[in-house]
Amino acid sequence: MDGIKTRQAKTPPWKKKNPRKTHGKLTPAQREKAEARAKKAGRPYPNLIDNMWAAQH
């Protein structure tokens, strides 16, 4: 890769411990965004990464 740096997490999200309930449920709008992202990627329902993305945006 010519000068492109990628950031890799030390531990993947699915291997990390669940935070101490500092997060809440996705709002209906966030859920729609996660479902749309999953559908665009060809998945029938959102996965953990889609949900994390929707929670941040």
Protein backbone atom coordinates (compact mmCIF):
# COMPACT_ATOMS: atom_id res chain seq x y z
CA MET A 1 0.00 0.00 0.00
CA ASP A 2 1.53 3.21 -1.16
CA GLY A 3 1.50 5.54 1.83
CA ILE A 4 -1.96 4.49 2.95
CA LYS A 5 -2.14 3.71 6.64
CA THR A 6 -4.99 1.63 7.96
CA ARG A 7 -6.02 1.65 11.56
CA GLN A 8 -6.54 -1.78 13.05
CA ALA A 9 -7.99 -2.37 16.47
CA LYS A 10 -5.98 -4.50 18.85
CA THR A 11 -9.02 -6.62 19.65
CA PRO A 12 -12.03 -7.06 17.35
CA PRO A 13 -15.33 -5.74 18.76
CA TRP A 14 -16.90 -9.19 19.00
CA LYS A 15 -14.09 -10.37 21.32
CA LYS A 16 -14.32 -7.40 23.69
CA LYS A 17 -16.30 -7.58 26.89
CA ASN A 18 -19.68 -5.88 26.91
CA PRO A 19 -19.42 -2.37 28.39
CA ARG A 20 -21.20 -1.82 31.66
CA LYS A 21 -24.54 -0.78 30.17
CA THR A 22 -23.22 2.61 29.13
CA HIS A 23 -25.09 2.28 25.87
CA GLY A 24 -28.77 2.32 25.13
CA LYS A 25 -30.93 0.79 22.48
CA LEU A 26 -30.86 2.13 18.95
CA THR A 27 -33.48 4.70 18.09
CA PRO A 28 -35.87 3.84 15.27
CA ALA A 29 -33.92 6.16 12.94
CA GLN A 30 -30.62 4.49 13.84
CA ARG A 31 -32.19 1.09 13.33
CA GLU A 32 -33.38 2.09 9.85
CA LYS A 33 -29.86 3.27 8.98
CA ALA A 34 -28.35 -0.04 10.14
CA GLU A 35 -30.95 -2.04 8.20
CA ALA A 36 -30.35 0.03 5.06
CA ARG A 37 -26.59 -0.48 5.35
CA ALA A 38 -27.04 -4.23 5.76
CA LYS A 39 -29.41 -4.41 2.80
CA LYS A 40 -26.95 -2.46 0.63
CA ALA A 41 -24.25 -4.99 1.58
CA GLY A 42 -26.56 -7.91 0.71
CA ARG A 43 -27.29 -9.07 4.25
CA PRO A 44 -30.87 -9.80 5.35
CA TYR A 45 -30.42 -8.08 8.71
CA PRO A 46 -27.83 -5.79 10.37
CA ASN A 47 -24.85 -7.23 12.19
CA LEU A 48 -22.85 -5.84 15.12
CA ILE A 49 -20.72 -3.62 12.89
CA ASP A 50 -23.80 -2.11 11.19
CA ASN A 51 -25.33 -1.37 14.59
CA MET A 52 -22.11 0.19 15.90
CA TRP A 53 -21.87 2.36 12.79
CA ALA A 54 -25.48 3.49 13.13
CA ALA A 55 -25.01 4.32 16.82
CA GLN A 56 -22.09 6.63 15.97
CA HIS A 57 -23.81 8.47 13.11
